[in-house]
Protein backbone atom coordinates (compact mmCIF):
# COMPACT_ATOMS: atom_id res chain seq x y z
CA MET A 1 -6.47 125.15 184.69
CA ASN A 2 -7.74 122.01 183.11
CA LEU A 3 -7.63 121.84 179.32
CA GLY A 4 -9.70 119.48 177.28
CA PHE A 5 -8.39 117.26 174.58
CA GLN A 6 -9.32 119.68 171.83
CA ASP A 7 -7.71 122.60 173.65
CA ARG A 8 -4.45 120.69 174.15
CA LYS A 9 -4.35 119.80 170.45
CA LYS A 10 -4.72 123.43 169.45
CA LEU A 11 -2.03 124.45 171.96
CA TYR A 12 0.42 121.92 170.50
CA MET A 13 -0.25 123.13 166.97
CA LEU A 14 0.29 126.74 168.03
CA LEU A 15 3.61 125.89 169.68
CA GLY A 16 4.77 123.98 166.56
CA CYS A 17 3.97 126.95 164.33
CA ALA A 18 5.88 129.27 166.66
CA VAL A 19 8.97 127.03 166.52
CA LEU A 20 8.86 126.90 162.69
CA LEU A 21 8.52 130.68 162.54
CA VAL A 22 11.59 131.16 164.75
CA ILE A 23 13.64 128.80 162.60
CA ALA A 24 12.61 130.64 159.40
CA VAL A 25 13.55 134.05 160.88
CA VAL A 26 17.01 132.80 161.95
CA TYR A 27 17.69 131.27 158.48
CA ALA A 28 16.66 134.51 156.72
CA ILE A 29 18.94 136.65 158.95
CA ASN A 30 21.95 134.38 158.31
CA ASN A 31 21.35 134.32 154.54
CA TRP A 32 21.06 138.13 154.39
CA GLN A 33 24.34 138.62 156.27
CA GLY A 34 26.15 136.22 153.91
CA GLN A 35 24.98 138.20 150.83
CA GLN A 36 26.19 141.45 152.37
CA THR A 37 29.71 140.12 153.02
CA ALA A 38 30.16 138.25 149.64
CA PRO A 39 31.08 141.28 147.46
CA SER A 40 33.85 142.28 149.85
CA THR A 41 35.60 138.89 149.59
CA GLN A 42 35.27 138.28 145.76
CA THR A 43 37.02 140.12 142.97
CA LEU A 44 35.05 140.40 139.74
CA THR A 45 37.06 140.13 136.55
CA PRO A 46 35.72 142.19 133.64
CA ALA A 47 34.58 140.23 130.57
CA PRO A 48 36.77 140.55 127.49
CA LYS A 49 35.66 143.33 125.23
CA PRO A 50 34.68 142.09 121.77
CA ALA A 51 36.76 143.32 118.91
CA SER A 52 35.36 146.20 116.97
CA LYS A 53 33.88 145.37 113.55
CA LEU A 54 35.51 148.41 112.01
CA GLN A 55 38.90 147.37 113.31
CA THR A 56 38.43 143.81 111.96
CA ALA A 57 37.41 145.08 108.51
CA ALA A 58 40.39 147.43 108.41
CA ASP A 59 42.75 144.58 109.30
CA TYR A 60 41.22 142.44 106.53
CA ARG A 61 41.67 145.18 103.91
CA GLN A 62 45.25 145.77 105.02
CA ARG A 63 46.00 142.04 104.74
CA ARG A 64 44.41 141.89 101.27
CA ARG A 65 46.55 144.84 100.12
CA GLN A 66 49.66 143.05 101.32
CA GLU A 67 48.69 139.85 99.48
CA ALA A 68 47.70 141.64 96.25
CA ILE A 69 49.89 141.21 93.18
CA ASP A 70 51.91 144.22 92.15
CA ILE A 71 50.77 144.90 88.56
CA ASN A 72 53.87 146.97 87.90
CA ASN A 73 55.96 143.79 88.00
CA ILE A 74 53.80 141.85 85.48
CA ASP A 75 55.33 141.27 82.04
CA PRO A 76 52.69 142.29 79.41
CA THR A 77 54.60 140.68 76.52
CA ILE A 78 52.63 138.12 74.46
CA HIS A 79 54.80 135.09 73.73
CA LEU A 80 53.64 134.02 70.28
CA GLU A 81 56.03 131.07 70.13
CA LYS A 82 54.30 129.48 73.11
CA LEU A 83 50.92 129.97 71.46
CA ASP A 84 52.22 128.33 68.27
CA ARG A 85 53.49 125.31 70.17
CA SER A 86 50.14 124.86 71.90
CA SER A 87 48.16 125.20 68.66
CA ILE A 88 50.04 122.43 66.83
CA SER A 89 49.71 119.93 69.67
CA ASP A 90 47.11 117.19 69.11
CA TYR A 91 44.64 116.03 71.69
CA THR A 92 45.40 112.33 71.92
CA SER A 93 43.71 111.44 75.17
CA THR A 94 41.04 108.75 75.07
CA LYS A 95 38.96 110.53 77.68
CA ARG A 96 36.22 113.03 77.01
CA ASN A 97 37.26 116.38 75.53
CA LEU A 98 36.07 119.12 77.85
CA PHE A 99 36.11 121.68 75.02
CA ARG A 100 33.75 119.77 72.70
CA TYR A 101 30.06 119.11 73.22
CA GLU A 102 29.62 115.42 72.70
CA ALA A 103 27.97 112.50 74.40
CA ALA A 104 29.82 110.76 77.17
CA PRO A 105 31.45 107.47 76.18
CA PRO A 106 29.36 104.41 76.97
CA PRO A 107 30.26 102.51 80.10
CA PRO A 108 32.40 99.41 79.62
CA PRO A 109 30.49 96.16 79.26
CA PRO A 110 30.19 94.02 82.35
CA PRO A 111 32.62 91.11 82.63
CA LYS A 112 31.43 87.88 81.09
CA THR A 113 30.33 85.11 83.37
CA PRO A 114 31.24 81.46 82.76
CA LYS A 115 27.68 80.88 81.54
CA ASP A 116 28.01 83.66 78.94
CA ILE A 117 31.29 82.20 77.69
CA ALA A 118 29.74 78.73 77.44
CA ASP A 119 26.74 80.09 75.52
CA GLU A 120 29.00 81.87 73.04
CA GLU A 121 31.05 78.73 72.51
CA ARG A 122 27.89 76.69 71.93
CA ARG A 123 26.57 79.21 69.40
CA ARG A 124 29.85 79.17 67.50
CA ASN A 125 29.86 75.36 67.34
CA THR A 126 26.18 75.04 66.37
CA PRO A 127 25.69 74.88 62.59
CA PRO A 128 23.23 77.36 61.12
CA PRO A 129 19.73 76.06 60.38
CA PRO A 130 18.98 75.05 56.80
CA PRO A 131 17.44 77.73 54.62
CA PRO A 132 13.67 77.64 54.26
CA PRO A 133 12.28 76.07 51.11
CA PRO A 134 11.79 78.45 48.22
CA PRO A 135 8.28 79.77 47.73
CA PRO A 136 6.19 78.00 45.10
CA PRO A 137 6.31 79.55 41.67
CA PRO A 138 3.42 81.82 40.80
CA ILE A 139 0.62 80.40 38.67
CA ASP A 140 1.19 81.64 35.15
CA LEU A 141 -2.47 82.32 34.31
CA LYS A 142 -4.55 85.44 33.92
CA TYR A 143 -8.26 85.69 34.64
CA TYR A 144 -10.12 87.96 32.23
CA GLY A 145 -13.77 86.97 32.59
CA PHE A 146 -16.47 84.34 33.17
CA ALA A 147 -19.76 83.27 31.67
CA THR A 148 -22.91 81.65 33.07
CA ASP A 149 -24.79 78.95 31.19
CA GLY A 150 -28.41 80.05 30.88
CA ALA A 151 -29.76 76.51 31.12
CA THR A 152 -27.60 75.00 33.87
CA LYS A 153 -26.60 78.27 35.62
CA GLU A 154 -23.06 76.92 35.69
CA LYS A 155 -20.21 79.42 35.73
CA LYS A 156 -17.26 79.01 33.44
CA VAL A 157 -14.03 80.97 33.71
CA PHE A 158 -11.85 82.32 30.93
CA LEU A 159 -8.08 82.02 31.59
CA THR A 160 -5.02 82.52 29.44
CA ASN A 161 -1.28 81.97 29.75
CA GLY A 162 -0.46 84.39 27.00
CA LEU A 163 -0.56 81.74 24.28
CA ASP A 164 -3.64 79.58 24.90
CA ILE A 165 -7.15 80.34 26.16
CA PHE A 166 -8.78 78.00 28.66
CA ILE A 167 -12.47 77.72 29.53
CA ALA A 168 -13.32 75.67 32.62
CA ALA A 169 -15.91 75.31 35.36
CA GLU A 170 -15.30 74.82 39.08
CA GLY A 171 -13.52 71.50 39.78
CA GLU A 172 -12.14 71.07 36.27
CA VAL A 173 -8.41 70.81 35.46
CA ILE A 174 -6.68 72.76 32.69
CA ALA A 175 -3.24 72.28 31.16
CA ASN A 176 -3.04 69.00 33.12
CA ARG A 177 -1.88 70.98 36.11
CA TYR A 178 -4.28 73.65 37.38
CA ARG A 179 -7.62 72.94 39.05
CA ILE A 180 -10.31 75.58 39.30
CA VAL A 181 -11.34 75.74 42.98
CA ARG A 182 -13.81 78.64 43.04
CA ILE A 183 -15.03 81.24 40.56
CA GLY A 184 -15.86 84.68 41.87
CA VAL A 185 -16.99 87.92 40.30
CA ASN A 186 -13.64 89.68 40.78
CA SER A 187 -11.25 86.75 41.21
CA VAL A 188 -10.82 83.03 40.74
CA GLU A 189 -9.04 80.60 43.05
CA VAL A 190 -6.71 78.19 41.24
CA GLU A 191 -4.69 75.31 42.73
CA ASP A 192 -1.36 74.10 41.34
CA MET A 193 -1.70 70.33 41.67
CA ARG A 194 2.07 69.77 41.64
CA ASN A 195 2.82 71.60 44.89
CA LYS A 196 -0.69 72.10 46.32
CA ASN A 197 -0.26 75.84 46.07
CA ARG A 198 -3.43 77.92 45.83
CA GLN A 199 -3.57 81.47 44.53
CA GLN A 200 -6.19 84.09 43.93
CA LEU A 201 -6.09 85.42 40.35
CA PRO A 202 -7.72 88.86 40.11
CA LEU A 203 -9.97 89.84 37.25
CA ILE A 204 -8.12 91.79 34.55
CA GLU A 205 -10.48 94.20 32.88
CA GLY A 206 -10.10 95.19 29.26
């Protein structure tokens, strides 16, 4: 029988599938026989049984009873002499007292650097600056009024030093020392010509 090319290709594929099927059946049979004989050749060891919780708790209570202090052997006597010795002792430690509420001591200052030491030495050797000059003495005058000339409209101020009365206009000098700078309604500006000090003298009513 003559087979075409397509028929021969199908025949080869069919034979290859048959060979693969035979190999798979043989491998499955061998694997199944090995699983059947494995339990007979191995001995299974049982897993250790965990300890019971009740038994563990009972052992713990028994151990605690053994470690407990026998109160029948405790001496209940109060030793007053020991209390007296502790009460008269003074707390002399420099550290913080744990039985008193107080702020913690400040941390120690950092060590001084050579620059800090040099600056301190320079400050010690530098003489202090001279004191500032004293303030100028106050102008010993009191302003108690002013008047306006009806013809010239010039203002004149009335001043006193407690003994004399001075009448002057702006720009004039009184007592050979004080110059009237400006005359206002509520104050007058006076300059001390000796030290160039200017002051505002308020109006004193009454």
